[in-house]
Amino acid sequence: MMPLSLRNLSEKLQQRLLLPLPGGDAHEPFRAHPVGDVRPLFDHKIAPKPGGVIILLFEEEGTLKFPLIKRAEYPGAHGGQVSLPGGKAEPGEDSVQTALRECEEEIGVKKSELTVLGKLSDFFVMPSNFMVTPVIATANGRPHFKPDPYEVARILEGDLASIVRDDAMKQKEILAAGRYKMLAPHFEIDGEIVWGATAMMLNELRLIVREIM
């Protein structure tokens, strides 16, 4: 695989995102599976809510990175979990607008500092009943991160090359929502286990990067 540079990757990635995407074929290898008899049940009565998340690529000292957030502990499906910056769409927003707004609100990076390359496949987040669109953008230089103190416990910095490697996928049993044992394929990023929807969306980027590089 060729060495990654942001300029080289951005040009190829922007063109590749215009073509059919791997979607479910990329998501499925990172799907967590229940262990034992206690299993989560989801019976949503309404249509999924639209949302957007951002995969923000930047280069620092020759390394391509992207931020993730560890959410503050709160009651609900995603409290304390690691995720991509993002959230629910506001009325009238498209997925790109949502992702850019949430990026500024959660990690302090303004849309004027970013270049949007395109979007990955829509992803249904079953626990919270969201249909999320991952948006890929780049920053010129290292962004100045300013985490929202109410929503973000810490900002992680992922190394793109480390998740693109052949051996990037790990697997272990975890306890989800404090009660559900799950066998979870995952990435290990900045000292945290990144699994579930976030890992599944990152794996689509991973497969595309492996393809174009």
Foldseek 3Di string as FASTA:
>chain_A
DDQDDPVVLLVLLLVVQVDDFPPPVLQVVFAKDFDDDDDDDFDDPDAFFEKEFEFEWEDDPSFIKTKWFQWDADPFQRGRAIAGQMDGDDPPDDRVVRHQVSCCQAWNFHPVQKAWSHWHDFDQQRRRRHTYIYTYIYGYHDTDTDGDPNTGPDMFMFTLVLCLDPPQWDWDWDAGPNHTTITGTFGQTRNDTHGDPRRSVSSSVSVSSVVSD
